Amino acid sequence: MSVNAKICGITTKEAIESAIKGGAYFVGFVFFPKSPRYVTPEKAAELAENLPPGIKKVAVMVDPTDDEIESVFEYITPDYLQLHGAETPERVREIRATFSVPVIKAIKVRSSDDVALWGAFSKVADMLLFDARAPESSPLPGGNGLVFDWTLIKNRKFTIPWMLSGGLNSENLKHAIELTGARMVDASSSLENQPGIKDPKLVREFLETCVKL
């Protein structure tokens, strides 16, 4: 059984072509201006124009207002909205109801207390994404290429679908899967040759590894 992969933070035609050819299940577009992976809604729509229907589009946002979400939806209709900020369960529920879109809620992990938040979000989100918590000094809530302690989610029985993120690449992926049992994974900055620019070779190798697992 292969692992379903999300290539996140796509900013170029080359990156999305590599994701398509490699068999990515999700592609992510970041609508967070502080990120080097930021794209405008217009640019995301252009990049996704020839996306095969089987590949899911994910709009990644950080503590968005309703107006900010609407501005994205004017140009692109995502299959999922990924919330990667400090959104509360109540806010997640509200966004999901208002925009009628499945929601992925990112949970940023440094300790077991962070992982424990999954219970509250499992009642309001459609999917969880476990990522490494960024250093306090970082302006980015994700996309820092950091790996968290995977044993914190080892042998956990989550009641909704979930995805593993944080510093994953073709070299550490097999160990990550064996330890956590993840069947969906997300990679972004670890597949780049410079901030915001995916390396087609790294994308291809990562997706090839996913297929073999």
Protein backbone atom coordinates (compact mmCIF):
# COMPACT_ATOMS: atom_id res chain seq x y z
CA MET A 1 0.00 0.00 0.00
CA SER A 2 1.53 3.31 -1.02
CA VAL A 3 1.45 6.45 1.10
CA ASN A 4 -0.60 9.41 -0.12
CA ALA A 5 1.57 12.51 -0.36
CA LYS A 6 0.91 16.22 -0.25
CA ILE A 7 3.43 18.51 -1.91
CA CYS A 8 2.88 21.82 -0.17
CA GLY A 9 3.97 25.35 -0.90
CA ILE A 10 3.93 25.06 -4.68
CA THR A 11 4.93 28.28 -6.43
CA THR A 12 6.08 27.26 -9.93
CA LYS A 13 4.88 25.35 -12.97
CA GLU A 14 7.90 23.05 -12.66
CA ALA A 15 6.90 22.13 -9.12
CA ILE A 16 3.30 21.33 -9.95
CA GLU A 17 4.35 19.31 -13.01
CA SER A 18 6.70 17.27 -10.82
CA ALA A 19 3.92 16.69 -8.31
CA ILE A 20 1.52 15.57 -11.05
CA LYS A 21 4.01 13.24 -12.73
CA GLY A 22 5.11 11.78 -9.41
CA GLY A 23 1.58 10.91 -8.35
CA ALA A 24 0.96 13.39 -5.57
CA TYR A 25 -2.47 13.03 -3.97
CA PHE A 26 -2.63 16.64 -2.71
CA VAL A 27 -0.99 19.90 -3.77
CA GLY A 28 -0.89 22.81 -1.38
CA PHE A 29 -0.92 26.53 -2.06
CA VAL A 30 0.15 28.86 0.75
CA PHE A 31 -1.85 32.06 1.23
CA PHE A 32 0.24 33.48 4.06
CA PRO A 33 2.14 36.60 2.96
CA LYS A 34 5.06 36.11 5.39
CA SER A 35 5.93 32.74 3.85
CA PRO A 36 8.50 32.40 1.04
CA ARG A 37 5.95 29.99 -0.46
CA TYR A 38 3.21 32.60 -0.61
CA VAL A 39 1.22 32.85 -3.82
CA THR A 40 -1.66 35.13 -4.65
CA PRO A 41 -5.05 33.55 -5.32
CA GLU A 42 -4.63 34.53 -8.98
CA LYS A 43 -1.25 32.77 -9.18
CA ALA A 44 -2.63 29.64 -7.48
CA ALA A 45 -5.49 29.49 -9.97
CA GLU A 46 -3.00 29.75 -12.81
CA LEU A 47 -0.81 26.98 -11.39
CA ALA A 48 -3.82 24.70 -10.81
CA GLU A 49 -5.35 25.35 -14.22
CA ASN A 50 -4.34 22.00 -15.76
CA LEU A 51 -4.41 19.95 -12.59
CA PRO A 52 -5.90 16.47 -13.15
CA PRO A 53 -9.24 16.08 -11.34
CA GLY A 54 -7.92 13.32 -9.08
CA ILE A 55 -5.40 15.57 -7.35
CA LYS A 56 -6.78 17.49 -4.37
CA LYS A 57 -6.12 21.23 -4.03
CA VAL A 58 -5.37 22.48 -0.53
CA ALA A 59 -5.52 26.16 0.42
CA VAL A 60 -3.18 26.77 3.36
CA MET A 61 -4.07 29.77 5.53
CA VAL A 62 -3.05 31.10 8.93
CA ASP A 63 -5.74 32.54 11.22
CA PRO A 64 -7.71 33.79 8.21
CA THR A 65 -10.62 36.19 8.39
CA ASP A 66 -13.77 35.39 6.45
CA ASP A 67 -12.86 38.13 3.97
CA GLU A 68 -9.43 36.58 3.37
CA ILE A 69 -10.98 33.19 2.73
CA GLU A 70 -13.50 34.71 0.34
CA SER A 71 -10.70 36.44 -1.57
CA VAL A 72 -9.06 33.06 -2.18
CA PHE A 73 -12.30 31.34 -3.12
CA GLU A 74 -12.98 33.99 -5.76
CA TYR A 75 -10.14 32.53 -7.82
CA ILE A 76 -9.72 28.92 -6.79
CA THR A 77 -12.06 26.30 -5.34
CA PRO A 78 -9.97 24.19 -2.97
CA ASP A 79 -10.87 20.64 -2.06
CA TYR A 80 -9.59 21.34 1.45
CA LEU A 81 -8.84 24.41 3.54
CA GLN A 82 -5.82 23.86 5.80
CA LEU A 83 -5.78 26.01 8.92
CA HIS A 84 -2.22 26.37 10.16
CA GLY A 85 -2.52 29.05 12.82
CA ALA A 86 -3.90 29.34 16.34
CA GLU A 87 -7.49 28.72 15.31
CA THR A 88 -9.71 27.40 18.10
CA PRO A 89 -12.06 24.45 17.65
CA GLU A 90 -14.92 26.96 17.59
CA ARG A 91 -13.32 28.92 14.77
CA VAL A 92 -12.64 25.74 12.81
CA ARG A 93 -16.29 24.75 13.15
CA GLU A 94 -17.40 28.20 12.05
CA ILE A 95 -15.17 28.25 8.95
CA ARG A 96 -16.22 24.77 7.93
CA ALA A 97 -19.91 25.67 8.22
CA THR A 98 -19.61 29.08 6.57
CA PHE A 99 -17.65 27.96 3.53
CA SER A 100 -18.88 24.36 3.20
CA VAL A 101 -15.35 23.09 2.62
CA PRO A 102 -13.55 20.19 4.34
CA VAL A 103 -10.97 21.45 6.83
CA ILE A 104 -7.51 20.15 7.68
CA LYS A 105 -6.38 21.47 11.07
CA ALA A 106 -2.65 21.61 11.70
CA ILE A 107 -1.52 20.68 15.19
CA LYS A 108 1.95 21.94 15.99
CA VAL A 109 3.83 19.45 18.14
CA ARG A 110 6.61 19.82 20.66
CA SER A 111 5.18 17.83 23.56
CA SER A 112 2.51 15.27 24.39
CA ASP A 113 0.30 18.15 25.56
CA ASP A 114 0.30 19.46 21.98
CA VAL A 115 -0.72 16.08 20.60
CA ALA A 116 -3.57 15.94 23.13
CA LEU A 117 -5.27 18.81 21.32
CA TRP A 118 -6.30 16.38 18.61
CA GLY A 119 -9.36 15.31 20.57
CA ALA A 120 -11.06 18.70 20.49
CA PHE A 121 -10.23 19.27 16.83
CA SER A 122 -11.34 15.80 15.78
CA LYS A 123 -14.92 16.88 16.46
CA VAL A 124 -14.79 19.88 14.11
CA ALA A 125 -12.19 19.13 11.41
CA ASP A 126 -12.18 16.57 8.62
CA MET A 127 -8.48 15.79 8.88
CA LEU A 128 -5.55 16.55 11.19
CA LEU A 129 -1.99 17.41 10.23
CA PHE A 130 0.78 16.94 12.79
CA ASP A 131 3.68 19.32 12.19
CA ALA A 132 6.68 20.41 14.23
CA ARG A 133 6.06 23.45 16.41
CA ALA A 134 8.16 26.35 15.14
CA PRO A 135 10.72 28.09 17.35
CA GLU A 136 9.33 31.13 19.12
CA SER A 137 11.61 33.32 17.00
CA SER A 138 10.24 32.04 13.69
CA PRO A 139 7.71 34.18 11.80
CA LEU A 140 6.42 31.01 10.11
CA PRO A 141 4.03 28.59 11.84
CA GLY A 142 5.05 25.83 9.41
CA GLY A 143 7.41 25.16 6.53
CA ASN A 144 10.47 25.33 8.77
CA GLY A 145 11.84 21.91 7.81
CA LEU A 146 11.84 20.77 11.44
CA VAL A 147 11.19 17.21 12.60
CA PHE A 148 9.32 16.62 15.86
CA ASP A 149 9.63 13.59 18.13
CA TRP A 150 7.60 11.02 16.20
CA THR A 151 7.30 8.76 19.24
CA LEU A 152 4.78 11.29 20.59
CA ILE A 153 2.21 9.95 18.12
CA LYS A 154 3.42 6.34 18.01
CA ASN A 155 0.62 3.79 18.56
CA ARG A 156 -2.03 6.54 18.75
CA LYS A 157 -5.50 5.68 17.50
CA PHE A 158 -6.87 8.83 15.91
CA THR A 159 -10.54 8.78 15.02
CA ILE A 160 -10.32 10.91 11.87
CA PRO A 161 -7.84 10.86 8.96
CA TRP A 162 -4.46 12.42 9.70
CA MET A 163 -1.28 13.45 7.95
CA LEU A 164 2.35 13.59 9.11
CA SER A 165 4.40 16.69 8.34
CA GLY A 166 7.63 18.36 9.40
CA GLY A 167 11.02 17.93 7.73
CA LEU A 168 10.09 14.81 5.77
CA ASN A 169 12.23 13.78 2.81
CA SER A 170 13.02 10.65 0.82
CA GLU A 171 15.73 9.66 3.31
CA ASN A 172 13.78 9.78 6.58
CA LEU A 173 10.32 8.92 5.25
CA LYS A 174 10.53 5.15 5.66
CA HIS A 175 11.55 5.45 9.32
CA ALA A 176 8.82 8.02 9.95
CA ILE A 177 6.16 5.73 8.50
CA GLU A 178 7.39 2.67 10.38
CA LEU A 179 7.34 4.59 13.65
CA THR A 180 4.06 6.47 13.32
CA GLY A 181 2.00 4.34 10.95
CA ALA A 182 1.09 7.43 8.91
CA ARG A 183 -0.60 6.73 5.56
CA MET A 184 -0.61 10.38 4.46
CA VAL A 185 2.42 12.66 4.50
CA ASP A 186 3.19 16.29 3.73
CA ALA A 187 6.47 17.81 2.54
CA SER A 188 7.40 21.36 1.68
CA SER A 189 10.66 23.12 2.57
CA SER A 190 12.64 19.85 2.68
CA LEU A 191 12.04 19.49 -1.07
CA GLU A 192 13.46 22.90 -2.03
CA ASN A 193 16.76 24.08 -3.46
CA GLN A 194 16.06 27.62 -2.22
CA PRO A 195 13.26 29.04 -0.06
CA GLY A 196 9.98 28.76 -1.91
CA ILE A 197 11.37 26.95 -4.96
CA LYS A 198 10.83 23.19 -5.17
CA ASP A 199 13.59 21.02 -6.63
CA PRO A 200 11.87 18.73 -9.20
CA LYS A 201 14.41 15.98 -8.45
CA LEU A 202 13.70 16.05 -4.71
CA VAL A 203 9.94 16.08 -5.36
CA ARG A 204 10.27 13.10 -7.69
CA GLU A 205 12.43 11.12 -5.23
CA PHE A 206 10.04 11.83 -2.36
CA LEU A 207 7.01 10.70 -4.33
CA GLU A 208 8.82 7.60 -5.59
CA THR A 209 9.56 6.68 -1.99
CA CYS A 210 5.89 7.16 -1.07
CA VAL A 211 4.83 4.73 -3.77
CA LYS A 212 7.15 2.03 -2.43
CA LEU A 213 5.87 2.22 1.15
